[in-house]
């Protein structure tokens, strides 16, 4: 469970710092239902840009932001797109929440908030003393550094050296320190090694997304609720929410599947990974180019017992489709293929991991022979804005793009997807995957077997899910003690 023990002296210092900095912290209820955001904050948000380093942007940690660069408030239904059969090649309805309209352009700003906020409002993290360390394969450390900046907290961002140039350029302006570890998305062990080194420094507090239950809880509460709201808004007579697919970086996002399976018990929950590093399917080796997901271990916060299927995605598919979706020649071809203009205008909302998520949805739809009455949900973690340098690299590698290349990419890397490199997981398959946690978390990271077994046999997940109400009470009490909201 998330430790909610109060450390009163540090908490008093955090309250004083928030009072001086004019910080109000949102509750989970505010993030799920932003219509509950106090009116004085809503009024001030009209003058704040989406990416501005302004504490008010804590109240834009929601899937319901208006899709505006500045001054927007909230929508009734979360931001989403629906991808038509002319694009996907399957009759099932594929819906995807849009991450671009979070501050930082990625939903990981929510996951990092879910990790930092509990320790801040309990005083376990001393904002005047500690540095917040954010180990990541990309977007999580961006979200953590941004939230740290908003809250006046020093931060250390850790990510692989092979990540896109855009990430490093932005982080250099926001994070207190940026550390590039060897390798690419698959080199999580190197990230853990650096984290272990920093853990020895007394002023460093590690927010390891792969084991922080606040990451899981945020997605269970906020992302799960958002997907359910979208489905209820778009469903037609006879429609059912049949599947949900999420590639596993930290396994935070797939935590929303716990919520969805409670509300829609027939739903099939699938975890995606890169074919070039098939950790769940084949116990892990190699590396890949699907930025934002990590491999060669099973995250502590992955509720494997609740996962029905593993789907492996070829990273070449995600790369080729990134170019198809963002090149004018690709749009010309897709227009002729019957893809609506509205969809073409939305394709830049898919970053590399978002494309991989959609490919998982397509493969799941084919495997289960889903129909036009089946809806499959996923998320678009970030957008193509994070990968403009990658698109240019593809152009440099393959030369000019034209309709013929676009037709090949669409046919080969999307329409032609097969149901290979995927597997349904029975009870003992899931137990096998769960047991892989032992090597990372017990042998290397100091967890014990009781904790590991409780994830499988015990009530850990249900206990964590129930903590949102207690956290909201602590956040509300924190805001009352600072008095900032009363003065707005």
Protein backbone atom coordinates (compact mmCIF):
# COMPACT_ATOMS: atom_id res chain seq x y z
CA UNK A 1 0.00 0.00 0.00
CA UNK A 2 0.94 3.67 -0.22
CA UNK A 3 2.46 4.78 3.07
CA UNK A 4 0.32 7.60 4.50
CA UNK A 5 2.23 8.01 7.78
CA UNK A 6 2.39 11.68 8.80
CA UNK A 7 5.81 13.28 9.43
CA UNK A 8 4.62 16.41 11.17
CA UNK A 9 7.74 18.59 11.22
CA UNK A 10 8.48 18.16 7.51
CA UNK A 11 4.78 18.51 6.72
CA UNK A 12 4.71 21.88 8.49
CA UNK A 13 7.68 23.00 6.37
CA UNK A 14 5.90 21.82 3.21
CA UNK A 15 2.79 23.74 4.19
CA UNK A 16 4.81 26.90 4.78
CA UNK A 17 6.61 26.51 1.44
CA UNK A 18 3.30 25.99 -0.39
CA UNK A 19 1.85 29.03 1.35
CA UNK A 20 4.80 31.18 0.24
CA UNK A 21 4.69 29.82 -3.33
CA UNK A 22 0.91 30.06 -3.70
CA UNK A 23 0.49 26.33 -4.35
CA UNK A 24 -2.87 24.55 -4.19
CA UNK A 25 -2.79 20.78 -4.74
CA UNK A 26 -5.61 19.07 -6.69
CA UNK A 27 -7.44 16.03 -5.33
CA UNK A 28 -8.08 12.83 -7.26
CA UNK A 29 -11.70 13.96 -7.43
CA UNK A 30 -10.60 17.20 -9.13
CA UNK A 31 -8.59 15.22 -11.70
CA UNK A 32 -11.43 12.79 -12.43
CA UNK A 33 -14.19 15.41 -12.36
CA UNK A 34 -12.63 18.84 -13.02
CA UNK A 35 -16.05 20.45 -12.70
CA UNK A 36 -15.24 20.22 -8.97
CA UNK A 37 -12.19 22.51 -9.37
CA UNK A 38 -12.83 25.67 -7.32
CA UNK A 39 -14.03 28.64 -9.36
CA UNK A 40 -11.16 30.99 -8.36
CA UNK A 41 -8.69 28.50 -9.87
CA UNK A 42 -10.80 28.03 -13.02
CA UNK A 43 -10.92 31.79 -13.53
CA UNK A 44 -7.14 32.13 -13.28
CA UNK A 45 -6.48 29.20 -15.61
CA UNK A 46 -7.92 31.25 -18.47
CA UNK A 47 -4.69 33.23 -18.47
CA UNK A 48 -2.26 30.31 -18.18
CA UNK A 49 -0.60 28.41 -21.02
CA UNK A 50 -0.80 24.62 -21.00
CA UNK A 51 2.96 24.19 -20.57
CA UNK A 52 3.56 27.25 -18.38
CA UNK A 53 5.56 26.65 -15.20
CA UNK A 54 2.68 27.82 -13.07
CA UNK A 55 1.30 25.92 -10.03
CA UNK A 56 -2.19 26.40 -11.45
CA UNK A 57 -1.30 23.83 -14.10
CA UNK A 58 -1.51 21.16 -11.42
CA UNK A 59 -5.25 21.52 -12.06
CA UNK A 60 -4.72 20.54 -15.68
CA UNK A 61 -3.67 17.03 -14.67
CA UNK A 62 -6.81 15.56 -16.21
CA UNK A 63 -7.93 13.88 -19.43
CA UNK A 64 -10.65 16.54 -19.77
CA UNK A 65 -8.59 19.62 -20.67
CA UNK A 66 -9.90 21.64 -23.57
CA UNK A 67 -7.55 21.01 -26.53
CA UNK A 68 -5.98 24.48 -26.41
CA UNK A 69 -2.40 25.66 -26.00
CA UNK A 70 -3.46 28.41 -23.59
CA UNK A 71 -6.43 29.49 -21.53
CA UNK A 72 -8.50 26.35 -21.86
CA UNK A 73 -10.67 24.87 -19.15
CA UNK A 74 -12.43 21.50 -19.28
CA UNK A 75 -14.57 19.32 -21.51
CA UNK A 76 -17.52 17.22 -20.37
CA UNK A 77 -16.04 14.12 -22.06
CA UNK A 78 -12.30 13.30 -21.97
CA UNK A 79 -10.21 14.01 -25.07
CA UNK A 80 -10.30 10.98 -27.37
CA UNK A 81 -10.23 9.93 -30.98
CA UNK A 82 -11.89 7.01 -32.75
CA UNK A 83 -9.96 5.29 -35.53
CA UNK A 84 -12.11 4.09 -38.44
CA UNK A 85 -11.97 0.70 -40.19
CA UNK A 86 -10.59 2.36 -43.36
CA UNK A 87 -7.44 3.05 -41.34
CA UNK A 88 -7.25 0.05 -39.00
CA UNK A 89 -8.61 -2.71 -41.25
CA UNK A 90 -10.82 -4.14 -38.50
CA UNK A 91 -14.55 -3.58 -37.91
CA UNK A 92 -14.14 -3.10 -34.16
CA UNK A 93 -14.34 0.46 -32.88
CA UNK A 94 -10.96 1.55 -31.52
CA UNK A 95 -11.07 4.54 -29.16
CA UNK A 96 -7.99 6.20 -27.70
CA UNK A 97 -7.62 8.83 -24.98
CA UNK A 98 -5.39 11.72 -26.11
CA UNK A 99 -2.36 12.55 -23.97
CA UNK A 100 -1.19 15.63 -25.88
CA UNK A 101 -3.44 17.99 -23.93
CA UNK A 102 -1.81 17.38 -20.58
CA UNK A 103 0.89 19.81 -19.44
CA UNK A 104 4.18 18.54 -20.96
CA UNK A 105 2.14 16.95 -23.76
CA UNK A 106 2.02 13.57 -22.04
CA UNK A 107 -0.19 11.82 -19.49
CA UNK A 108 2.85 10.80 -17.42
CA UNK A 109 2.52 14.12 -15.63
CA UNK A 110 -0.43 12.46 -13.89
CA UNK A 111 1.45 9.31 -12.97
CA UNK A 112 4.30 11.32 -11.44
CA UNK A 113 1.82 13.43 -9.49
CA UNK A 114 0.33 10.23 -8.09
CA UNK A 115 3.79 9.34 -6.75
CA UNK A 116 4.89 12.73 -5.38
CA UNK A 117 1.66 14.07 -3.86
CA UNK A 118 1.23 11.39 -1.15
CA UNK A 119 4.73 11.95 0.21
CA UNK A 120 4.38 15.73 0.02
CA UNK A 121 1.09 15.95 1.95
CA UNK A 122 2.31 13.48 4.60
CA UNK A 123 5.69 15.18 5.07
CA UNK A 124 7.62 12.06 4.08
CA UNK A 125 9.14 14.25 1.36
CA UNK A 126 10.62 17.45 2.72
CA UNK A 127 10.31 20.03 -0.06
CA UNK A 128 13.01 22.21 1.47
CA UNK A 129 15.55 19.42 1.79
CA UNK A 130 14.96 16.50 -0.55
CA UNK A 131 15.64 16.16 -4.24
CA UNK A 132 12.98 14.23 -6.16
CA UNK A 133 14.66 11.59 -8.35
CA UNK A 134 12.66 10.46 -11.38
CA UNK A 135 14.05 7.28 -13.05
CA UNK A 136 12.37 6.80 -16.41
CA UNK A 137 12.46 5.53 -19.96
CA UNK A 138 11.33 8.96 -21.14
CA UNK A 139 8.10 10.74 -20.36
CA UNK A 140 7.77 9.94 -16.66
CA UNK A 141 10.87 11.93 -15.73
CA UNK A 142 9.52 14.81 -17.83
CA UNK A 143 6.27 14.76 -15.86
CA UNK A 144 8.12 14.40 -12.57
CA UNK A 145 10.48 17.28 -13.32
CA UNK A 146 7.55 19.48 -14.37
CA UNK A 147 5.51 18.73 -11.25
CA UNK A 148 8.62 19.30 -9.13
CA UNK A 149 9.09 22.71 -10.75
CA UNK A 150 5.44 23.65 -10.12
CA UNK A 151 5.76 22.63 -6.49
CA UNK A 152 9.12 24.35 -5.97
CA UNK A 153 10.95 21.04 -5.50
CA UNK A 154 14.47 20.21 -6.73
CA UNK A 155 14.49 17.33 -9.22
CA UNK A 156 16.81 14.83 -10.89
CA UNK A 157 15.65 13.30 -14.19
CA UNK A 158 17.10 9.96 -15.30
CA UNK A 159 16.50 8.55 -18.78
CA UNK A 160 18.37 6.50 -21.39
CA UNK A 161 20.83 8.33 -23.62
CA UNK A 162 19.11 6.90 -26.71
CA UNK A 163 15.85 8.80 -26.19
CA UNK A 164 14.72 11.52 -28.60
CA UNK A 165 16.51 14.87 -28.70
CA UNK A 166 13.27 16.73 -27.91
CA UNK A 167 13.09 15.15 -24.46
CA UNK A 168 16.62 16.17 -23.48
CA UNK A 169 16.25 19.72 -24.80
CA UNK A 170 13.10 20.34 -22.79
CA UNK A 171 14.41 18.67 -19.63
CA UNK A 172 17.53 20.84 -19.67
CA UNK A 173 15.27 23.83 -19.00
CA UNK A 174 13.05 22.25 -16.34
CA UNK A 175 14.92 19.64 -14.30
CA UNK A 176 17.55 20.56 -11.75
CA UNK A 177 19.77 17.78 -13.07
CA UNK A 178 19.52 15.44 -16.07
CA UNK A 179 21.32 12.09 -16.10
CA UNK A 180 21.56 10.04 -19.32
CA UNK A 181 22.13 6.33 -18.65
CA UNK A 182 23.63 3.96 -21.25
CA UNK A 183 21.39 2.38 -23.87
CA UNK A 184 17.81 2.77 -25.04
CA UNK A 185 14.28 1.95 -23.83
CA UNK A 186 15.23 -1.65 -23.07
CA UNK A 187 18.08 -0.77 -20.71
CA UNK A 188 16.07 -0.46 -17.50
CA UNK A 189 18.74 -2.20 -15.38
CA UNK A 190 21.13 0.68 -16.09
CA UNK A 191 18.47 3.10 -14.83
CA UNK A 192 18.06 1.05 -11.67
CA UNK A 193 21.83 1.02 -11.14
CA UNK A 194 21.98 4.81 -11.26
CA UNK A 195 18.97 4.99 -8.95
CA UNK A 196 20.69 2.71 -6.45
CA UNK A 197 23.75 4.96 -6.56
CA UNK A 198 21.69 8.10 -5.87
CA UNK A 199 19.78 6.36 -3.08
CA UNK A 200 22.96 6.50 -1.02
CA UNK A 201 22.77 10.31 -0.95
CA UNK A 202 20.61 11.29 2.04
CA UNK A 203 18.83 14.18 0.31
CA UNK A 204 17.67 12.03 -2.63
CA UNK A 205 14.20 10.52 -2.54
CA UNK A 206 13.53 8.04 -5.33
CA UNK A 207 10.19 7.98 -7.12
CA UNK A 208 10.65 4.77 -9.07
CA UNK A 209 7.66 4.57 -11.41
CA UNK A 210 8.13 0.82 -11.79
CA UNK A 211 7.31 0.20 -8.12
CA UNK A 212 5.39 3.27 -6.93
CA UNK A 213 1.78 2.32 -6.18
CA UNK A 214 0.84 5.97 -6.59
CA UNK A 215 1.46 5.46 -10.32
CA UNK A 216 -0.96 2.51 -10.38
CA UNK A 217 -3.54 4.34 -8.25
CA UNK A 218 -3.56 7.44 -10.43
CA UNK A 219 -4.32 5.40 -13.53
CA UNK A 220 -6.84 3.19 -11.73
CA UNK A 221 -8.75 6.24 -10.57
CA UNK A 222 -8.27 8.82 -13.31
CA UNK A 223 -7.50 6.95 -16.56
CA UNK A 224 -9.92 4.12 -15.78
CA UNK A 225 -12.73 6.56 -15.10
CA UNK A 226 -11.89 8.54 -18.26
CA UNK A 227 -12.06 5.49 -20.55
CA UNK A 228 -15.35 4.43 -19.00
CA UNK A 229 -16.77 7.92 -19.56
CA UNK A 230 -15.71 7.93 -23.21
CA UNK A 231 -17.25 4.51 -23.82
CA UNK A 232 -20.52 5.52 -22.22
CA UNK A 233 -20.56 8.65 -24.38
CA UNK A 234 -19.91 6.88 -27.70
CA UNK A 235 -21.59 3.50 -27.29
CA UNK A 236 -24.44 2.61 -29.61
CA UNK A 237 -27.24 0.09 -28.96
CA UNK A 238 -25.65 -3.34 -28.66
CA UNK A 239 -22.08 -2.06 -28.20
CA UNK A 240 -19.83 -3.53 -25.51
CA UNK A 241 -16.42 -2.56 -24.17
CA UNK A 242 -14.68 -5.76 -25.17
CA UNK A 243 -10.99 -4.98 -24.81
CA UNK A 244 -8.33 -2.59 -23.57
CA UNK A 245 -4.65 -2.66 -24.58
CA UNK A 246 -1.66 -0.88 -23.08
CA UNK A 247 2.04 -1.28 -23.77
CA UNK A 248 4.04 -1.73 -20.57
CA UNK A 249 6.63 0.83 -19.63
CA UNK A 250 6.17 1.11 -15.90
CA UNK A 251 2.86 -0.83 -16.13
CA UNK A 252 1.20 2.23 -14.62
CA UNK A 253 -1.29 2.82 -17.42
CA UNK A 254 -2.47 -0.79 -17.47
CA UNK A 255 -3.54 -0.19 -13.88
CA UNK A 256 -6.65 1.44 -15.34
CA UNK A 257 -7.55 -2.04 -16.55
CA UNK A 258 -8.26 -3.08 -12.96
CA UNK A 259 -10.95 -0.40 -12.84
CA UNK A 260 -12.33 -1.29 -16.27
CA UNK A 261 -12.60 -4.99 -15.47
CA UNK A 262 -14.58 -4.13 -12.35
CA UNK A 263 -17.04 -2.03 -14.35
CA UNK A 264 -17.05 -4.22 -17.50
CA UNK A 265 -16.34 -7.79 -16.31
CA UNK A 266 -16.27 -9.29 -19.81
CA UNK A 267 -13.42 -7.03 -20.95
CA UNK A 268 -10.16 -8.61 -22.17
CA UNK A 269 -7.11 -6.77 -20.83
CA UNK A 270 -3.94 -7.01 -22.91
CA UNK A 271 -0.39 -5.88 -22.19
CA UNK A 272 1.80 -4.90 -25.13
CA UNK A 273 5.56 -5.09 -25.53
CA UNK A 274 8.15 -4.86 -28.29
CA UNK A 275 8.76 -7.96 -30.40
CA UNK A 276 12.46 -7.10 -30.37
CA UNK A 277 12.51 -7.50 -26.56
CA UNK A 278 9.80 -10.08 -25.73
CA UNK A 279 10.05 -10.01 -21.95
CA UNK A 280 6.62 -11.44 -21.11
CA UNK A 281 6.28 -13.64 -24.17
CA UNK A 282 9.80 -15.12 -24.13
CA UNK A 283 11.43 -13.93 -20.88
CA UNK A 284 13.30 -10.99 -22.38
CA UNK A 285 16.34 -10.14 -24.48
CA UNK A 286 17.35 -7.61 -27.14
CA UNK A 287 16.44 -3.95 -27.52
CA UNK A 288 13.93 -1.91 -29.52
CA UNK A 289 12.79 1.52 -30.75
CA UNK A 290 9.32 1.95 -29.22
CA UNK A 291 10.21 4.95 -27.10
CA UNK A 292 8.54 5.15 -23.71
CA UNK A 293 8.25 1.46 -22.85
CA UNK A 294 10.83 -0.55 -20.93
CA UNK A 295 11.77 -4.20 -20.88
CA UNK A 296 13.78 -7.09 -19.43
CA UNK A 297 11.82 -6.98 -16.17
CA UNK A 298 8.25 -7.11 -14.88
CA UNK A 299 7.31 -3.90 -13.04
CA UNK A 300 6.34 -4.34 -9.40
CA UNK A 301 3.07 -2.46 -10.00
CA UNK A 302 1.88 -4.69 -12.86
CA UNK A 303 -1.13 -6.65 -11.59
CA UNK A 304 -0.28 -9.64 -13.77
CA UNK A 305 -3.09 -11.73 -12.26
CA UNK A 306 -5.57 -9.40 -13.97
CA UNK A 307 -3.94 -9.53 -17.44
CA UNK A 308 -5.56 -11.73 -20.09
CA UNK A 309 -3.15 -11.47 -23.01
CA UNK A 310 0.33 -10.40 -24.10
CA UNK A 311 0.76 -8.84 -27.55
CA UNK A 312 4.15 -8.20 -29.11
CA UNK A 313 4.54 -5.33 -31.58
CA UNK A 314 7.32 -5.09 -34.16
CA UNK A 315 9.08 -1.76 -33.66
CA UNK A 316 9.43 -1.44 -37.44
CA UNK A 317 5.64 -1.23 -37.65
CA UNK A 318 5.51 1.68 -35.21
CA UNK A 319 8.36 3.52 -36.97
CA UNK A 320 6.92 3.17 -40.47
CA UNK A 321 3.46 4.24 -39.33
CA UNK A 322 4.90 7.28 -37.57
CA UNK A 323 6.07 8.45 -40.98
CA UNK A 324 2.84 7.46 -42.76
CA UNK A 325 0.78 9.41 -40.22
CA UNK A 326 2.91 12.58 -40.42
CA UNK A 327 3.95 12.96 -44.05
CA UNK A 328 1.73 14.83 -46.56
CA UNK A 329 2.18 12.00 -49.07
CA UNK A 330 0.95 9.58 -46.43
CA UNK A 331 -2.14 11.68 -45.87
CA UNK A 332 -2.80 11.88 -49.62
CA UNK A 333 -2.71 8.10 -49.88
CA UNK A 334 -4.90 7.57 -46.80
CA UNK A 335 -7.42 10.09 -48.12
CA UNK A 336 -7.72 8.09 -51.32
CA UNK A 337 -8.08 4.92 -49.22
CA UNK A 338 -11.19 6.38 -47.59
CA UNK A 339 -9.83 7.69 -44.31
CA UNK A 340 -11.94 10.71 -43.28
CA UNK A 341 -10.40 14.18 -43.13
CA UNK A 342 -11.19 14.42 -39.43
CA UNK A 343 -9.06 11.34 -38.78
CA UNK A 344 -6.21 12.62 -40.95
CA UNK A 345 -6.13 15.82 -38.90
CA UNK A 346 -5.81 13.75 -35.73
CA UNK A 347 -3.01 11.37 -36.72
CA UNK A 348 -0.28 13.61 -35.30
CA UNK A 349 -1.81 12.91 -31.88
CA UNK A 350 -0.18 9.46 -32.01
CA UNK A 351 3.37 9.21 -30.71
CA UNK A 352 5.42 6.05 -31.11
CA UNK A 353 4.06 4.24 -28.05
CA UNK A 354 0.55 5.42 -28.94
CA UNK A 355 0.92 3.80 -32.35
CA UNK A 356 2.07 0.60 -30.64
CA UNK A 357 -1.00 0.74 -28.40
CA UNK A 358 -3.27 1.01 -31.44
CA UNK A 359 -1.49 -1.90 -33.11
CA UNK A 360 -2.19 -3.97 -29.99
CA UNK A 361 -5.87 -3.08 -30.32
CA UNK A 362 -5.87 -4.20 -33.95
CA UNK A 363 -4.22 -7.52 -33.13
CA UNK A 364 -6.58 -8.16 -30.22
CA UNK A 365 -9.55 -7.37 -32.47
CA UNK A 366 -8.35 -9.85 -35.07
CA UNK A 367 -7.59 -12.55 -32.53
CA UNK A 368 -11.04 -12.42 -30.92
CA UNK A 369 -12.82 -11.76 -34.26
CA UNK A 370 -14.45 -8.62 -32.88
CA UNK A 371 -17.30 -6.94 -34.76
CA UNK A 372 -18.61 -3.42 -35.24
CA UNK A 373 -20.40 -3.78 -31.88
CA UNK A 374 -17.12 -4.29 -30.01
CA UNK A 375 -15.18 -1.32 -28.65
CA UNK A 376 -11.49 -1.59 -27.79
CA UNK A 377 -9.84 1.17 -25.74
CA UNK A 378 -6.31 2.44 -25.32
CA UNK A 379 -4.39 5.66 -24.68
CA UNK A 380 -2.10 7.86 -26.74
CA UNK A 381 0.59 8.58 -24.18
CA UNK A 382 2.06 11.49 -26.12
CA UNK A 383 1.99 12.87 -29.66
CA UNK A 384 4.22 13.11 -32.71
CA UNK A 385 5.47 16.44 -31.34
CA UNK A 386 7.86 14.40 -29.19
CA UNK A 387 9.34 12.65 -32.25
CA UNK A 388 9.90 15.23 -35.00
CA UNK A 389 13.59 14.38 -34.99
CA UNK A 390 12.73 10.69 -35.42
CA UNK A 391 10.52 11.50 -38.41
CA UNK A 392 13.41 13.39 -39.99
CA UNK A 393 15.73 10.45 -39.28
CA UNK A 394 13.31 8.16 -41.13
CA UNK A 395 13.26 10.57 -44.07
CA UNK A 396 17.06 10.65 -44.11
CA UNK A 397 17.22 6.87 -43.94
CA UNK A 398 14.61 5.96 -46.54
CA UNK A 399 14.53 8.99 -48.82
CA UNK A 400 11.54 10.93 -50.20
CA UNK A 401 8.07 9.63 -49.36
CA UNK A 402 5.38 9.06 -51.99
CA UNK A 403 2.03 7.37 -52.45
CA UNK A 404 3.57 4.02 -53.33
CA UNK A 405 5.64 3.92 -50.15
CA UNK A 406 2.60 5.00 -48.16
CA UNK A 407 0.51 2.19 -49.65
CA UNK A 408 3.18 -0.36 -48.76
CA UNK A 409 3.47 0.95 -45.20
CA UNK A 410 -0.30 0.93 -44.65
CA UNK A 411 -0.72 -2.56 -46.12
CA UNK A 412 2.31 -4.15 -44.52
CA UNK A 413 2.51 -2.45 -41.13
CA UNK A 414 -1.17 -2.01 -40.26
CA UNK A 415 -3.69 -3.75 -42.52
CA UNK A 416 -1.48 -6.82 -42.77
CA UNK A 417 -1.00 -7.38 -39.04
CA UNK A 418 -1.34 -11.03 -38.06
CA UNK A 419 -2.21 -12.76 -34.82
CA UNK A 420 1.32 -14.07 -34.32
CA UNK A 421 3.65 -13.11 -31.44
CA UNK A 422 0.80 -12.93 -28.95
CA UNK A 423 -0.69 -15.29 -26.39
CA UNK A 424 -3.65 -15.67 -24.09
CA UNK A 425 -2.51 -16.09 -20.51
CA UNK A 426 -4.03 -18.81 -18.36
CA UNK A 427 -3.61 -18.93 -14.58
CA UNK A 428 -0.20 -20.57 -14.66
CA UNK A 429 1.03 -18.36 -17.53
CA UNK A 430 0.24 -15.33 -15.38
CA UNK A 431 1.90 -16.89 -12.35
CA UNK A 432 5.01 -17.53 -14.43
CA UNK A 433 5.16 -13.88 -15.48
CA UNK A 434 4.46 -12.71 -11.94
CA UNK A 435 7.33 -14.87 -10.66
CA UNK A 436 9.75 -13.00 -12.94
CA UNK A 437 9.38 -10.09 -10.51
CA UNK A 438 11.50 -12.06 -8.05
CA UNK A 439 14.76 -11.52 -9.93
CA UNK A 440 14.39 -7.74 -10.17
CA UNK A 441 12.54 -6.84 -7.02
CA UNK A 442 13.61 -9.38 -4.39
CA UNK A 443 17.15 -10.23 -5.52
CA UNK A 444 18.15 -6.77 -6.81
CA UNK A 445 15.88 -4.16 -5.22
CA UNK A 446 15.45 -5.45 -1.68
CA UNK A 447 11.78 -6.41 -1.61
CA UNK A 448 10.85 -9.54 0.36
CA UNK A 449 8.91 -12.66 -0.54
CA UNK A 450 5.98 -11.74 1.70
CA UNK A 451 5.40 -8.59 -0.32
CA UNK A 452 5.74 -10.47 -3.58
CA UNK A 453 3.31 -13.18 -2.52
CA UNK A 454 0.82 -10.61 -1.28
CA UNK A 455 0.66 -9.15 -4.79
CA UNK A 456 -0.57 -12.55 -5.97
CA UNK A 457 -2.46 -14.10 -3.06
CA UNK A 458 -3.29 -11.13 -0.87
CA UNK A 459 -5.39 -7.96 -0.95
CA UNK A 460 -2.70 -5.44 -1.97
CA UNK A 461 -4.44 -4.25 -5.12
CA UNK A 462 -7.85 -3.74 -3.51
CA UNK A 463 -6.21 -2.05 -0.54
CA UNK A 464 -4.39 0.42 -2.81
CA UNK A 465 -7.52 1.13 -4.84
CA UNK A 466 -9.33 2.20 -1.69
CA UNK A 467 -6.65 4.74 -0.72
CA UNK A 468 -7.79 7.53 -3.05
CA UNK A 469 -10.39 8.80 -0.57
CA UNK A 470 -7.83 8.93 2.25
CA UNK A 471 -5.39 10.77 -0.01
CA UNK A 472 -8.03 13.32 -0.97
CA UNK A 473 -8.66 13.98 2.71
CA UNK A 474 -4.95 14.60 3.28
CA UNK A 475 -4.71 16.88 0.23
CA UNK A 476 -7.77 18.84 1.33
CA UNK A 477 -6.35 19.25 4.83
CA UNK A 478 -3.01 20.38 3.36
CA UNK A 479 -4.73 23.05 1.25
CA UNK A 480 -6.76 24.24 4.23
CA UNK A 481 -3.62 24.66 6.32
CA UNK A 482 -1.79 26.64 3.64
CA UNK A 483 -4.77 28.99 3.27
CA UNK A 484 -3.81 29.72 -0.35
CA UNK A 485 -7.18 28.72 -1.83
CA UNK A 486 -9.06 30.92 0.64
CA UNK A 487 -7.04 33.93 -0.47
CA UNK A 488 -7.68 33.47 -4.21
